Amino acid sequence: MAILASAGDAFEEASIDEAYVDFSSLGDFEAACERANALKREIAEREGLTARWARPNKPVAKIASDFSKPTA
């Protein structure tokens, strides 16, 4: 989470494996996508973990995250 904490305008850790980062100051969605992809690469290189970014706003991201979680 330390990698994400300083990556954007605001950071919220929702759980041990879920966080939200605000990239509003980047100006447009394309720039935010580029930054998110760079963070994914950095997380993979530094921590050996996979990461994904979900959607352009928090409610949609939460729904997408819940939808893609494995069922018991």
C-alpha atoms as a PDB file:
ATOM      1  CA  MET A   1       0.000   0.000   0.000  1.00  0.00           C
ATOM      2  CA  ALA A   2       2.963   2.308   0.501  1.00  0.00           C
ATOM      3  CA  ILE A   3       3.455   2.491  -3.264  1.00  0.00           C
ATOM      4  CA  LEU A   4      -0.122   3.680  -3.738  1.00  0.00           C
ATOM      5  CA  ALA A   5      -0.267   6.044  -0.768  1.00  0.00           C
ATOM      6  CA  SER A   6       1.719   8.769  -2.516  1.00  0.00           C
ATOM      7  CA  ALA A   7       0.680   7.970  -6.084  1.00  0.00           C
ATOM      8  CA  GLY A   8      -2.289  10.293  -6.497  1.00  0.00           C
ATOM      9  CA  ASP A   9      -4.274  13.197  -5.097  1.00  0.00           C
ATOM     10  CA  ALA A  10      -5.969  11.086  -2.428  1.00  0.00           C
ATOM     11  CA  PHE A  11      -5.555   7.541  -1.154  1.00  0.00           C
ATOM     12  CA  GLU A  12      -7.975   5.325   0.775  1.00  0.00           C
ATOM     13  CA  GLU A  13      -7.102   1.831   1.982  1.00  0.00           C
ATOM     14  CA  ALA A  14     -10.400  -0.075   2.044  1.00  0.00           C
ATOM     15  CA  SER A  15      -8.998  -3.431   3.170  1.00  0.00           C
ATOM     16  CA  ILE A  16      -5.801  -5.452   3.162  1.00  0.00           C
ATOM     17  CA  ASP A  17      -6.111  -5.999  -0.595  1.00  0.00           C
ATOM     18  CA  GLU A  18      -8.210  -3.065  -1.811  1.00  0.00           C
ATOM     19  CA  ALA A  19      -7.493   0.639  -2.126  1.00  0.00           C
ATOM     20  CA  TYR A  20      -8.676   3.704  -3.994  1.00  0.00           C
ATOM     21  CA  VAL A  21      -6.378   6.306  -5.542  1.00  0.00           C
ATOM     22  CA  ASP A  22      -7.651   9.604  -6.966  1.00  0.00           C
ATOM     23  CA  PHE A  23      -5.944  10.806 -10.151  1.00  0.00           C
ATOM     24  CA  SER A  24      -8.215  13.818 -10.783  1.00  0.00           C
ATOM     25  CA  SER A  25      -5.353  16.272 -11.123  1.00  0.00           C
ATOM     26  CA  LEU A  26      -3.975  14.416 -14.145  1.00  0.00           C
ATOM     27  CA  GLY A  27      -6.651  16.098 -16.241  1.00  0.00           C
ATOM     28  CA  ASP A  28      -8.161  13.283 -18.272  1.00  0.00           C
ATOM     29  CA  PHE A  29      -9.029   9.605 -18.186  1.00  0.00           C
ATOM     30  CA  GLU A  30      -6.229   8.611 -20.575  1.00  0.00           C
ATOM     31  CA  ALA A  31      -3.568  10.134 -18.319  1.00  0.00           C
ATOM     32  CA  ALA A  32      -5.123   8.380 -15.317  1.00  0.00           C
ATOM     33  CA  CYS A  33      -5.030   5.051 -17.190  1.00  0.00           C
ATOM     34  CA  GLU A  34      -1.346   5.552 -18.021  1.00  0.00           C
ATOM     35  CA  ARG A  35      -0.551   6.317 -14.363  1.00  0.00           C
ATOM     36  CA  ALA A  36      -2.540   3.286 -13.158  1.00  0.00           C
ATOM     37  CA  ASN A  37      -0.703   1.007 -15.578  1.00  0.00           C
ATOM     38  CA  ALA A  38       2.653   2.418 -14.433  1.00  0.00           C
ATOM     39  CA  LEU A  39       1.668   1.682 -10.820  1.00  0.00           C
ATOM     40  CA  LYS A  40       0.718  -1.891 -11.751  1.00  0.00           C
ATOM     41  CA  ARG A  41       4.171  -2.392 -13.259  1.00  0.00           C
ATOM     42  CA  GLU A  42       5.881  -0.859 -10.225  1.00  0.00           C
ATOM     43  CA  ILE A  43       3.936  -3.099  -7.826  1.00  0.00           C
ATOM     44  CA  ALA A  44       4.833  -6.177  -9.876  1.00  0.00           C
ATOM     45  CA  GLU A  45       8.520  -5.233 -10.039  1.00  0.00           C
ATOM     46  CA  ARG A  46       8.959  -4.198  -6.403  1.00  0.00           C
ATOM     47  CA  GLU A  47       6.597  -6.576  -4.626  1.00  0.00           C
ATOM     48  CA  GLY A  48       6.031  -9.455  -7.053  1.00  0.00           C
ATOM     49  CA  LEU A  49       2.271  -8.960  -6.769  1.00  0.00           C
ATOM     50  CA  THR A  50      -0.410  -8.492  -9.364  1.00  0.00           C
ATOM     51  CA  ALA A  51      -2.671  -5.465  -9.248  1.00  0.00           C
ATOM     52  CA  ARG A  52      -5.507  -4.129 -11.305  1.00  0.00           C
ATOM     53  CA  TRP A  53      -7.357  -0.913 -11.600  1.00  0.00           C
ATOM     54  CA  ALA A  54     -11.074  -0.991 -12.005  1.00  0.00           C
ATOM     55  CA  ARG A  55     -13.062   2.082 -12.944  1.00  0.00           C
ATOM     56  CA  PRO A  56     -13.209   5.870 -13.159  1.00  0.00           C
ATOM     57  CA  ASN A  57     -15.072   6.379  -9.872  1.00  0.00           C
ATOM     58  CA  LYS A  58     -15.281   4.741  -6.469  1.00  0.00           C
ATOM     59  CA  PRO A  59     -18.853   3.278  -6.595  1.00  0.00           C
ATOM     60  CA  VAL A  60     -18.289   1.664  -9.999  1.00  0.00           C
ATOM     61  CA  ALA A  61     -14.862   0.403  -8.888  1.00  0.00           C
ATOM     62  CA  LYS A  62     -16.389  -1.239  -5.819  1.00  0.00           C
ATOM     63  CA  ILE A  63     -19.067  -2.995  -7.877  1.00  0.00           C
ATOM     64  CA  ALA A  64     -16.470  -4.202 -10.404  1.00  0.00           C
ATOM     65  CA  SER A  65     -14.213  -5.416  -7.614  1.00  0.00           C
ATOM     66  CA  ASP A  66     -17.008  -7.345  -5.902  1.00  0.00           C
ATOM     67  CA  PHE A  67     -18.128  -8.842  -9.219  1.00  0.00           C
ATOM     68  CA  SER A  68     -14.692 -10.230 -10.040  1.00  0.00           C
ATOM     69  CA  LYS A  69     -13.975 -11.812  -6.643  1.00  0.00           C
ATOM     70  CA  PRO A  70     -14.105 -15.616  -6.560  1.00  0.00           C
ATOM     71  CA  THR A  71     -17.092 -17.242  -4.934  1.00  0.00           C
ATOM     72  CA  ALA A  72     -16.795 -19.759  -2.149  1.00  0.00           C
END
